[in-house]
Amino acid sequence: MDGDCKEGKEGEVGGFLRSRRARIRPEEVGLPSHGRRRVPGLRREEVAQLAGVSVDYYIRLEQGRGTSVSDAVLDSIARVLRLDETEHAYLRTVARPRRQRKQQPSAPRVRPGIQTLLDGMERHPAFVLGRRMEVLAWNALGDAVNGFSRMAPGERNVPRQVFLTPAGRELYPEWAAVAAQTVAHLRLNAGLYADDPDLCALVGELSLKSEDFRRLWADHQVKECAYGVKKVRHAVAGLLTLPYETLTVPADPDQTIVVYTPEPGSETAERLALLGSWETSSAR
C-alpha cells in the first residue's frame, strides 16, 4: 500500500511488518547486535524464532500468503514487534482475507437527528467525518472555526486540506504533527476498507500530489485519533488550543463525530464565544 490501496494484501502486510521490524534493535529483545546487517532492526528469521513459528511460515505471512494465520500466531508476532493495541488490531485486519464490506456511498448522508445533535452544541465546534476523512456535516461554530461552508464539496476533506492547500499549513501551527496524525488515521481506515475505490483514489491523489504525504505514507504508521489536542490559527479569533473528543455513530459506524471541548472559562473558550457572536452578527 505504498502509494495507493491497490497493491494488495502482500503490500499491506509486508510493508507494515517490515516497518515494525526495522524499528526494533536486536539487543532490545536479547539478541546479539554484532555483525553486518543489510537492513536496520530485526531479520525475518529472528522474528520467526522469537514468535515461535517457522521462518518459511513467517515469510509467507509477510508475502501476504498467510491466509489462515491464527490469532495466536498474530498475537505472538505482535508481542515480538511490540505493537500497540491499534497496530495489533490493524495487523489482524490486513493479515487475513477480508469479507466484502458494505460499500459507503460516494456522498454519504448524515441523519437529521445527528445534525440536530450538532446544532445543540452551541458552545462547541463540532462536525462529522466519514471513513475517507471527508466532512459530512457541521454546526455553526464548527463552520466558524474551519470554514466548511466556504469550501467546494470536494475540498471538505481533512487530508486534502492538510496536504494540498496552502491554507492547511497556515491553519495548523503544529502542521507536522497534524500531518503525521492524519496519515496514520487514513492508513488505518485504508486497511479496514481496502475495497473502497474512492478511498483508494484519495490515497493515490495525495501520493501523486504531495511529497510529504508519500514520505509519511511509506512509514506505515497507524493510529486511531480518538481524542487529543489540536492548535488552530484562526484569522479572526487568533490562536485556539482545542482539545477534542470523537464519538462513533452507532447506527453508522463509518461516521465519526468530532467535538472540540475547550475548558470552560479558558482563553480559547472565550475566543470561541466571541467568534460565535461575531459570526452571528455578520450573518444578519
C-alpha atoms as a PDB file:
ATOM      1  CA  MET A   1       0.000   0.000   0.000  1.00  0.00           C
ATOM      2  CA  ASP A   2       2.881   2.405  -0.697  1.00  0.00           C
ATOM      3  CA  GLY A   3       1.089   4.899  -2.891  1.00  0.00           C
ATOM      4  CA  ASP A   4      -2.460   3.622  -3.146  1.00  0.00           C
ATOM      5  CA  CYS A   5      -4.802   0.945  -1.818  1.00  0.00           C
ATOM      6  CA  LYS A   6      -4.430  -1.409  -4.736  1.00  0.00           C
ATOM      7  CA  GLU A   7      -1.102  -3.116  -4.130  1.00  0.00           C
ATOM      8  CA  GLY A   8      -2.982  -5.919  -2.464  1.00  0.00           C
ATOM      9  CA  LYS A   9      -2.536  -7.973   0.619  1.00  0.00           C
ATOM     10  CA  GLU A  10       1.198  -8.548   0.129  1.00  0.00           C
ATOM     11  CA  GLY A  11       1.939  -4.819   0.078  1.00  0.00           C
ATOM     12  CA  GLU A  12      -0.176  -4.116   3.135  1.00  0.00           C
ATOM     13  CA  VAL A  13       1.127  -6.905   5.347  1.00  0.00           C
ATOM     14  CA  GLY A  14       4.704  -6.921   4.111  1.00  0.00           C
ATOM     15  CA  GLY A  15       5.230  -3.186   4.279  1.00  0.00           C
ATOM     16  CA  PHE A  16       3.701  -2.960   7.743  1.00  0.00           C
ATOM     17  CA  LEU A  17       5.705  -5.855   9.209  1.00  0.00           C
ATOM     18  CA  ARG A  18       8.965  -4.700   7.626  1.00  0.00           C
ATOM     19  CA  SER A  19       8.491  -1.211   9.053  1.00  0.00           C
ATOM     20  CA  ARG A  20       7.878  -2.680  12.512  1.00  0.00           C
ATOM     21  CA  ARG A  21      10.879  -4.991  12.303  1.00  0.00           C
ATOM     22  CA  ALA A  22      13.069  -2.048  11.350  1.00  0.00           C
ATOM     23  CA  ARG A  23      12.304  -0.057  14.478  1.00  0.00           C
ATOM     24  CA  ILE A  24      13.454  -2.737  16.963  1.00  0.00           C
ATOM     25  CA  ARG A  25      17.138  -3.143  17.756  1.00  0.00           C
ATOM     26  CA  PRO A  26      18.317  -6.741  18.268  1.00  0.00           C
ATOM     27  CA  GLU A  27      19.682  -6.009  21.736  1.00  0.00           C
ATOM     28  CA  GLU A  28      16.212  -4.854  22.821  1.00  0.00           C
ATOM     29  CA  VAL A  29      14.957  -8.428  22.505  1.00  0.00           C
ATOM     30  CA  GLY A  30      18.060 -10.154  23.839  1.00  0.00           C
ATOM     31  CA  LEU A  31      19.802 -10.864  20.531  1.00  0.00           C
ATOM     32  CA  PRO A  32      23.426 -10.037  19.747  1.00  0.00           C
ATOM     33  CA  SER A  33      23.805  -6.846  17.725  1.00  0.00           C
ATOM     34  CA  HIS A  34      27.257  -7.510  16.278  1.00  0.00           C
ATOM     35  CA  GLY A  35      27.764  -8.431  12.634  1.00  0.00           C
ATOM     36  CA  ARG A  36      26.837  -6.695   9.432  1.00  0.00           C
ATOM     37  CA  ARG A  37      23.157  -6.114   8.747  1.00  0.00           C
ATOM     38  CA  ARG A  38      21.801  -5.078   5.387  1.00  0.00           C
ATOM     39  CA  VAL A  39      18.704  -3.554   6.940  1.00  0.00           C
ATOM     40  CA  PRO A  40      18.068  -1.985  10.352  1.00  0.00           C
ATOM     41  CA  GLY A  41      16.164  -3.818  13.028  1.00  0.00           C
ATOM     42  CA  LEU A  42      15.257  -7.476  13.238  1.00  0.00           C
ATOM     43  CA  ARG A  43      15.658 -10.006  10.445  1.00  0.00           C
ATOM     44  CA  ARG A  44      12.696 -12.122   9.393  1.00  0.00           C
ATOM     45  CA  GLU A  45      14.453 -15.185  10.788  1.00  0.00           C
ATOM     46  CA  GLU A  46      14.779 -13.520  14.176  1.00  0.00           C
ATOM     47  CA  VAL A  47      11.120 -12.520  14.309  1.00  0.00           C
ATOM     48  CA  ALA A  48      10.119 -16.078  13.425  1.00  0.00           C
ATOM     49  CA  GLN A  49      12.385 -17.510  16.124  1.00  0.00           C
ATOM     50  CA  LEU A  50      11.105 -15.165  18.819  1.00  0.00           C
ATOM     51  CA  ALA A  51       7.463 -15.723  17.795  1.00  0.00           C
ATOM     52  CA  GLY A  52       7.843 -19.490  17.780  1.00  0.00           C
ATOM     53  CA  VAL A  53       6.985 -20.085  14.124  1.00  0.00           C
ATOM     54  CA  SER A  54       8.990 -21.414  11.213  1.00  0.00           C
ATOM     55  CA  VAL A  55      10.929 -18.990   9.044  1.00  0.00           C
ATOM     56  CA  ASP A  56       9.054 -20.182   5.958  1.00  0.00           C
ATOM     57  CA  TYR A  57       5.720 -19.574   7.672  1.00  0.00           C
ATOM     58  CA  TYR A  58       6.698 -16.037   8.655  1.00  0.00           C
ATOM     59  CA  ILE A  59       7.992 -15.274   5.159  1.00  0.00           C
ATOM     60  CA  ARG A  60       4.685 -16.437   3.679  1.00  0.00           C
ATOM     61  CA  LEU A  61       2.889 -14.100   6.084  1.00  0.00           C
ATOM     62  CA  GLU A  62       4.996 -11.112   5.004  1.00  0.00           C
ATOM     63  CA  GLN A  63       4.282 -12.033   1.395  1.00  0.00           C
ATOM     64  CA  GLY A  64       0.547 -11.961   2.021  1.00  0.00           C
ATOM     65  CA  ARG A  65       0.177 -15.748   1.744  1.00  0.00           C
ATOM     66  CA  GLY A  66      -0.734 -16.465   5.349  1.00  0.00           C
ATOM     67  CA  THR A  67      -4.418 -16.757   4.581  1.00  0.00           C
ATOM     68  CA  SER A  68      -5.247 -18.964   7.571  1.00  0.00           C
ATOM     69  CA  VAL A  69      -2.900 -17.473  10.157  1.00  0.00           C
ATOM     70  CA  SER A  70      -4.319 -17.867  13.636  1.00  0.00           C
ATOM     71  CA  ASP A  71      -4.915 -15.234  16.293  1.00  0.00           C
ATOM     72  CA  ALA A  72      -2.317 -16.956  18.451  1.00  0.00           C
ATOM     73  CA  VAL A  73       0.407 -16.533  15.816  1.00  0.00           C
ATOM     74  CA  LEU A  74      -0.529 -12.916  15.160  1.00  0.00           C
ATOM     75  CA  ASP A  75      -0.534 -12.275  18.898  1.00  0.00           C
ATOM     76  CA  SER A  76       2.982 -13.744  19.178  1.00  0.00           C
ATOM     77  CA  ILE A  77       4.253 -11.614  16.303  1.00  0.00           C
ATOM     78  CA  ALA A  78       2.598  -8.540  17.804  1.00  0.00           C
ATOM     79  CA  ARG A  79       4.370  -9.253  21.077  1.00  0.00           C
ATOM     80  CA  VAL A  80       7.765  -9.630  19.402  1.00  0.00           C
ATOM     81  CA  LEU A  81       7.303  -6.450  17.360  1.00  0.00           C
ATOM     82  CA  ARG A  82       5.927  -4.583  20.365  1.00  0.00           C
ATOM     83  CA  LEU A  83       2.781  -3.465  18.608  1.00  0.00           C
ATOM     84  CA  ASP A  84       0.383  -1.252  20.488  1.00  0.00           C
ATOM     85  CA  GLU A  85      -3.327  -2.027  20.633  1.00  0.00           C
ATOM     86  CA  THR A  86      -4.168  -0.157  17.434  1.00  0.00           C
ATOM     87  CA  GLU A  87      -1.257  -1.688  15.497  1.00  0.00           C
ATOM     88  CA  HIS A  88      -2.181  -5.150  16.756  1.00  0.00           C
ATOM     89  CA  ALA A  89      -5.775  -4.746  15.555  1.00  0.00           C
ATOM     90  CA  TYR A  90      -4.520  -3.399  12.227  1.00  0.00           C
ATOM     91  CA  LEU A  91      -2.272  -6.456  11.758  1.00  0.00           C
ATOM     92  CA  ARG A  92      -5.219  -8.764  12.335  1.00  0.00           C
ATOM     93  CA  THR A  93      -7.224  -6.813   9.775  1.00  0.00           C
ATOM     94  CA  VAL A  94      -4.677  -6.783   6.960  1.00  0.00           C
ATOM     95  CA  ALA A  95      -3.146 -10.214   7.524  1.00  0.00           C
ATOM     96  CA  ARG A  96      -6.276 -12.193   6.624  1.00  0.00           C
ATOM     97  CA  PRO A  97      -8.679 -12.042   3.700  1.00  0.00           C
ATOM     98  CA  ARG A  98     -11.499  -9.630   4.323  1.00  0.00           C
ATOM     99  CA  ARG A  99     -15.117 -10.315   3.897  1.00  0.00           C
ATOM    100  CA  GLN A 100     -16.690  -7.945   1.418  1.00  0.00           C
ATOM    101  CA  ARG A 101     -17.747  -4.928   3.401  1.00  0.00           C
ATOM    102  CA  LYS A 102     -20.715  -2.753   2.707  1.00  0.00           C
ATOM    103  CA  GLN A 103     -19.687  -0.011   0.320  1.00  0.00           C
ATOM    104  CA  GLN A 104     -20.050   3.530   1.546  1.00  0.00           C
ATOM    105  CA  PRO A 105     -21.790   5.801  -0.964  1.00  0.00           C
ATOM    106  CA  SER A 106     -19.602   8.422  -2.612  1.00  0.00           C
ATOM    107  CA  ALA A 107     -21.731  11.066  -0.880  1.00  0.00           C
ATOM    108  CA  PRO A 108     -22.933   9.518   2.402  1.00  0.00           C
ATOM    109  CA  ARG A 109     -25.661  11.326   4.271  1.00  0.00           C
ATOM    110  CA  VAL A 110     -25.859  12.282   7.914  1.00  0.00           C
ATOM    111  CA  ARG A 111     -29.166  11.505   9.581  1.00  0.00           C
ATOM    112  CA  PRO A 112     -31.258  14.547  10.609  1.00  0.00           C
ATOM    113  CA  GLY A 113     -31.002  13.548  14.257  1.00  0.00           C
ATOM    114  CA  ILE A 114     -27.222  13.800  14.129  1.00  0.00           C
ATOM    115  CA  GLN A 115     -27.446  17.290  12.625  1.00  0.00           C
ATOM    116  CA  THR A 116     -29.832  18.285  15.426  1.00  0.00           C
ATOM    117  CA  LEU A 117     -27.310  16.956  17.930  1.00  0.00           C
ATOM    118  CA  LEU A 118     -24.539  19.031  16.350  1.00  0.00           C
ATOM    119  CA  ASP A 119     -26.681  22.166  16.321  1.00  0.00           C
ATOM    120  CA  GLY A 120     -27.479  21.685  20.010  1.00  0.00           C
ATOM    121  CA  MET A 121     -23.791  22.009  20.923  1.00  0.00           C
ATOM    122  CA  GLU A 122     -23.760  25.784  20.561  1.00  0.00           C
ATOM    123  CA  ARG A 123     -20.579  26.372  22.592  1.00  0.00           C
ATOM    124  CA  HIS A 124     -18.572  23.592  20.996  1.00  0.00           C
ATOM    125  CA  PRO A 125     -17.330  23.401  17.397  1.00  0.00           C
ATOM    126  CA  ALA A 126     -18.418  20.020  16.049  1.00  0.00           C
ATOM    127  CA  PHE A 127     -18.518  18.169  12.745  1.00  0.00           C
ATOM    128  CA  VAL A 128     -18.886  14.677  11.294  1.00  0.00           C
ATOM    129  CA  LEU A 129     -16.205  12.799   9.344  1.00  0.00           C
ATOM    130  CA  GLY A 130     -16.705   9.831   7.031  1.00  0.00           C
ATOM    131  CA  ARG A 131     -14.333   6.922   6.520  1.00  0.00           C
ATOM    132  CA  ARG A 132     -12.370   8.954   3.919  1.00  0.00           C
ATOM    133  CA  MET A 133     -12.000  11.760   6.476  1.00  0.00           C
ATOM    134  CA  GLU A 134     -14.429  13.835   4.437  1.00  0.00           C
ATOM    135  CA  VAL A 135     -16.533  16.398   6.303  1.00  0.00           C
ATOM    136  CA  LEU A 136     -20.181  15.357   6.094  1.00  0.00           C
ATOM    137  CA  ALA A 137     -21.881  17.832   8.450  1.00  0.00           C
ATOM    138  CA  TRP A 138     -21.073  20.564  10.961  1.00  0.00           C
ATOM    139  CA  ASN A 139     -22.597  23.037  13.367  1.00  0.00           C
ATOM    140  CA  ALA A 140     -22.354  26.825  13.213  1.00  0.00           C
ATOM    141  CA  LEU A 141     -19.300  27.132  15.468  1.00  0.00           C
ATOM    142  CA  GLY A 142     -17.554  24.283  13.678  1.00  0.00           C
ATOM    143  CA  ASP A 143     -18.095  26.189  10.459  1.00  0.00           C
ATOM    144  CA  ALA A 144     -16.837  29.415  12.043  1.00  0.00           C
ATOM    145  CA  VAL A 145     -13.580  27.703  13.038  1.00  0.00           C
ATOM    146  CA  ASN A 146     -12.993  25.681   9.871  1.00  0.00           C
ATOM    147  CA  GLY A 147     -14.905  27.486   7.133  1.00  0.00           C
ATOM    148  CA  PHE A 148     -16.571  24.369   5.743  1.00  0.00           C
ATOM    149  CA  SER A 149     -19.425  26.256   4.077  1.00  0.00           C
ATOM    150  CA  ARG A 150     -16.946  28.323   2.068  1.00  0.00           C
ATOM    151  CA  MET A 151     -15.281  25.225   0.615  1.00  0.00           C
ATOM    152  CA  ALA A 152     -16.299  23.349  -2.510  1.00  0.00           C
ATOM    153  CA  PRO A 153     -17.701  19.897  -1.617  1.00  0.00           C
ATOM    154  CA  GLY A 154     -14.574  18.110  -2.847  1.00  0.00           C
ATOM    155  CA  GLU A 155     -12.380  20.313  -0.662  1.00  0.00           C
ATOM    156  CA  ARG A 156     -14.184  19.340   2.542  1.00  0.00           C
ATOM    157  CA  ASN A 157     -11.712  16.590   3.260  1.00  0.00           C
ATOM    158  CA  VAL A 158      -9.127  16.712   6.047  1.00  0.00           C
ATOM    159  CA  PRO A 159      -6.205  15.061   4.178  1.00  0.00           C
ATOM    160  CA  ARG A 160      -6.764  17.240   1.099  1.00  0.00           C
ATOM    161  CA  GLN A 161      -6.878  20.350   3.284  1.00  0.00           C
ATOM    162  CA  VAL A 162      -3.725  19.388   5.187  1.00  0.00           C
ATOM    163  CA  PHE A 163      -1.581  18.328   2.221  1.00  0.00           C
ATOM    164  CA  LEU A 164      -2.941  20.019  -0.882  1.00  0.00           C
ATOM    165  CA  THR A 165      -3.877  23.544   0.195  1.00  0.00           C
ATOM    166  CA  PRO A 166      -1.675  26.413   1.436  1.00  0.00           C
ATOM    167  CA  ALA A 167      -4.416  27.191   3.933  1.00  0.00           C
ATOM    168  CA  GLY A 168      -3.759  23.856   5.652  1.00  0.00           C
ATOM    169  CA  ARG A 169      -0.238  24.832   6.664  1.00  0.00           C
ATOM    170  CA  GLU A 170      -1.451  28.252   7.781  1.00  0.00           C
ATOM    171  CA  LEU A 171      -4.325  26.836   9.815  1.00  0.00           C
ATOM    172  CA  TYR A 172      -2.256  24.409  11.894  1.00  0.00           C
ATOM    173  CA  PRO A 173       0.786  25.892  13.712  1.00  0.00           C
ATOM    174  CA  GLU A 174       1.896  22.336  14.533  1.00  0.00           C
ATOM    175  CA  TRP A 175       1.457  21.220  10.941  1.00  0.00           C
ATOM    176  CA  ALA A 176       3.977  18.360  11.004  1.00  0.00           C
ATOM    177  CA  ALA A 177       2.212  16.657  13.918  1.00  0.00           C
ATOM    178  CA  VAL A 178      -1.221  17.144  12.327  1.00  0.00           C
ATOM    179  CA  ALA A 179       0.057  15.770   9.016  1.00  0.00           C
ATOM    180  CA  ALA A 180       1.531  12.644  10.627  1.00  0.00           C
ATOM    181  CA  GLN A 181      -1.632  12.034  12.639  1.00  0.00           C
ATOM    182  CA  THR A 182      -3.810  12.492   9.551  1.00  0.00           C
ATOM    183  CA  VAL A 183      -1.833   9.942   7.537  1.00  0.00           C
ATOM    184  CA  ALA A 184      -1.771   7.433  10.396  1.00  0.00           C
ATOM    185  CA  HIS A 185      -5.549   7.599  10.723  1.00  0.00           C
ATOM    186  CA  LEU A 186      -6.111   7.451   6.964  1.00  0.00           C
ATOM    187  CA  ARG A 187      -3.897   4.353   6.703  1.00  0.00           C
ATOM    188  CA  LEU A 188      -5.884   2.724   9.486  1.00  0.00           C
ATOM    189  CA  ASN A 189      -9.081   3.303   7.517  1.00  0.00           C
ATOM    190  CA  ALA A 190      -7.435   2.171   4.277  1.00  0.00           C
ATOM    191  CA  GLY A 191      -6.612  -1.146   5.928  1.00  0.00           C
ATOM    192  CA  LEU A 192     -10.199  -1.564   7.061  1.00  0.00           C
ATOM    193  CA  TYR A 193     -11.704  -0.529   3.717  1.00  0.00           C
ATOM    194  CA  ALA A 194      -9.166  -1.510   1.069  1.00  0.00           C
ATOM    195  CA  ASP A 195     -12.052  -2.358  -1.257  1.00  0.00           C
ATOM    196  CA  ASP A 196     -13.383   1.234  -1.204  1.00  0.00           C
ATOM    197  CA  PRO A 197     -12.471   2.713  -4.610  1.00  0.00           C
ATOM    198  CA  ASP A 198     -12.997   6.324  -3.503  1.00  0.00           C
ATOM    199  CA  LEU A 199     -10.703   5.848  -0.522  1.00  0.00           C
ATOM    200  CA  CYS A 200      -8.063   4.263  -2.753  1.00  0.00           C
ATOM    201  CA  ALA A 201      -8.415   7.118  -5.234  1.00  0.00           C
ATOM    202  CA  LEU A 202      -7.887   9.636  -2.427  1.00  0.00           C
ATOM    203  CA  VAL A 203      -4.668   7.928  -1.329  1.00  0.00           C
ATOM    204  CA  GLY A 204      -3.494   7.828  -4.929  1.00  0.00           C
ATOM    205  CA  GLU A 205      -4.257  11.522  -5.448  1.00  0.00           C
ATOM    206  CA  LEU A 206      -2.426  12.539  -2.278  1.00  0.00           C
ATOM    207  CA  SER A 207       0.550  10.343  -3.155  1.00  0.00           C
ATOM    208  CA  LEU A 208       0.785  11.887  -6.600  1.00  0.00           C
ATOM    209  CA  LYS A 209       0.473  15.495  -5.499  1.00  0.00           C
ATOM    210  CA  SER A 210       2.269  15.636  -2.136  1.00  0.00           C
ATOM    211  CA  GLU A 211       5.829  14.552  -1.379  1.00  0.00           C
ATOM    212  CA  ASP A 212       5.134  14.980   2.337  1.00  0.00           C
ATOM    213  CA  PHE A 213       2.199  12.586   2.107  1.00  0.00           C
ATOM    214  CA  ARG A 214       4.271   9.994   0.203  1.00  0.00           C
ATOM    215  CA  ARG A 215       7.003  10.124   2.839  1.00  0.00           C
ATOM    216  CA  LEU A 216       4.593   9.741   5.740  1.00  0.00           C
ATOM    217  CA  TRP A 217       2.557   7.037   3.998  1.00  0.00           C
ATOM    218  CA  ALA A 218       5.721   4.975   3.483  1.00  0.00           C
ATOM    219  CA  ASP A 219       6.270   4.923   7.279  1.00  0.00           C
ATOM    220  CA  HIS A 220       3.234   2.620   7.728  1.00  0.00           C
ATOM    221  CA  GLN A 221       2.155   4.329  10.933  1.00  0.00           C
ATOM    222  CA  VAL A 222      -1.387   3.558  12.070  1.00  0.00           C
ATOM    223  CA  LYS A 223      -3.225   5.466  14.775  1.00  0.00           C
ATOM    224  CA  GLU A 224      -6.804   5.981  15.869  1.00  0.00           C
ATOM    225  CA  CYS A 225      -7.474   9.653  16.603  1.00  0.00           C
ATOM    226  CA  ALA A 226      -9.953   9.151  19.428  1.00  0.00           C
ATOM    227  CA  TYR A 227      -9.017  12.258  21.414  1.00  0.00           C
ATOM    228  CA  GLY A 228      -6.238  14.795  21.735  1.00  0.00           C
ATOM    229  CA  VAL A 229      -5.424  18.475  21.394  1.00  0.00           C
ATOM    230  CA  LYS A 230      -5.141  20.460  18.183  1.00  0.00           C
ATOM    231  CA  LYS A 231      -3.962  24.039  17.766  1.00  0.00           C
ATOM    232  CA  VAL A 232      -5.638  26.196  15.126  1.00  0.00           C
ATOM    233  CA  ARG A 233      -4.604  29.654  13.963  1.00  0.00           C
ATOM    234  CA  HIS A 234      -7.832  31.488  13.127  1.00  0.00           C
ATOM    235  CA  ALA A 235      -7.861  34.685  11.082  1.00  0.00           C
ATOM    236  CA  VAL A 236     -10.324  36.387  13.463  1.00  0.00           C
ATOM    237  CA  ALA A 237     -10.088  34.568  16.788  1.00  0.00           C
ATOM    238  CA  GLY A 238      -6.323  34.099  16.828  1.00  0.00           C
ATOM    239  CA  LEU A 239      -4.597  31.012  18.235  1.00  0.00           C
ATOM    240  CA  LEU A 240      -7.037  28.403  19.538  1.00  0.00           C
ATOM    241  CA  THR A 241      -5.974  25.432  21.672  1.00  0.00           C
ATOM    242  CA  LEU A 242      -8.675  22.850  21.069  1.00  0.00           C
ATOM    243  CA  PRO A 243      -8.941  19.591  22.988  1.00  0.00           C
ATOM    244  CA  TYR A 244     -11.164  17.195  21.059  1.00  0.00           C
ATOM    245  CA  GLU A 245     -13.163  14.033  21.602  1.00  0.00           C
ATOM    246  CA  THR A 246     -14.561  11.708  18.945  1.00  0.00           C
ATOM    247  CA  LEU A 247     -17.694   9.584  19.017  1.00  0.00           C
ATOM    248  CA  THR A 248     -18.640   6.863  16.537  1.00  0.00           C
ATOM    249  CA  VAL A 249     -22.250   6.979  15.384  1.00  0.00           C
ATOM    250  CA  PRO A 250     -23.657   3.565  16.410  1.00  0.00           C
ATOM    251  CA  ALA A 251     -26.090   3.271  13.509  1.00  0.00           C
ATOM    252  CA  ASP A 252     -23.451   4.495  11.015  1.00  0.00           C
ATOM    253  CA  PRO A 253     -20.062   3.222  12.253  1.00  0.00           C
ATOM    254  CA  ASP A 254     -18.293   4.799   9.257  1.00  0.00           C
ATOM    255  CA  GLN A 255     -19.241   8.230  10.619  1.00  0.00           C
ATOM    256  CA  THR A 256     -17.390   9.923  13.471  1.00  0.00           C
ATOM    257  CA  ILE A 257     -18.496  12.996  15.398  1.00  0.00           C
ATOM    258  CA  VAL A 258     -15.583  15.275  16.304  1.00  0.00           C
ATOM    259  CA  VAL A 259     -16.216  17.786  19.098  1.00  0.00           C
ATOM    260  CA  TYR A 260     -13.776  20.462  20.273  1.00  0.00           C
ATOM    261  CA  THR A 261     -14.011  20.708  24.049  1.00  0.00           C
ATOM    262  CA  PRO A 262     -12.066  23.699  25.423  1.00  0.00           C
ATOM    263  CA  GLU A 263     -12.218  24.083  29.184  1.00  0.00           C
ATOM    264  CA  PRO A 264     -14.965  26.492  30.266  1.00  0.00           C
ATOM    265  CA  GLY A 265     -13.510  29.867  31.147  1.00  0.00           C
ATOM    266  CA  SER A 266     -10.291  29.249  29.250  1.00  0.00           C
ATOM    267  CA  GLU A 267      -8.913  31.799  26.810  1.00  0.00           C
ATOM    268  CA  THR A 268      -9.885  29.561  23.883  1.00  0.00           C
ATOM    269  CA  ALA A 269     -13.435  29.163  25.188  1.00  0.00           C
ATOM    270  CA  GLU A 270     -13.764  32.937  25.470  1.00  0.00           C
ATOM    271  CA  ARG A 271     -12.392  33.421  21.963  1.00  0.00           C
ATOM    272  CA  LEU A 272     -14.842  30.854  20.597  1.00  0.00           C
ATOM    273  CA  ALA A 273     -17.733  32.665  22.291  1.00  0.00           C
ATOM    274  CA  LEU A 274     -16.662  35.922  20.671  1.00  0.00           C
ATOM    275  CA  LEU A 275     -16.219  34.169  17.332  1.00  0.00           C
ATOM    276  CA  GLY A 276     -19.711  32.734  17.552  1.00  0.00           C
ATOM    277  CA  SER A 277     -21.170  36.146  18.322  1.00  0.00           C
ATOM    278  CA  TRP A 278     -19.199  37.725  15.502  1.00  0.00           C
ATOM    279  CA  GLU A 279     -20.367  35.101  13.001  1.00  0.00           C
ATOM    280  CA  THR A 280     -23.983  35.523  14.116  1.00  0.00           C
ATOM    281  CA  SER A 281     -23.885  39.306  13.729  1.00  0.00           C
ATOM    282  CA  SER A 282     -22.144  39.026  10.343  1.00  0.00           C
ATOM    283  CA  ALA A 283     -24.845  36.693   9.068  1.00  0.00           C
ATOM    284  CA  ARG A 284     -27.612  39.222   9.768  1.00  0.00           C
END
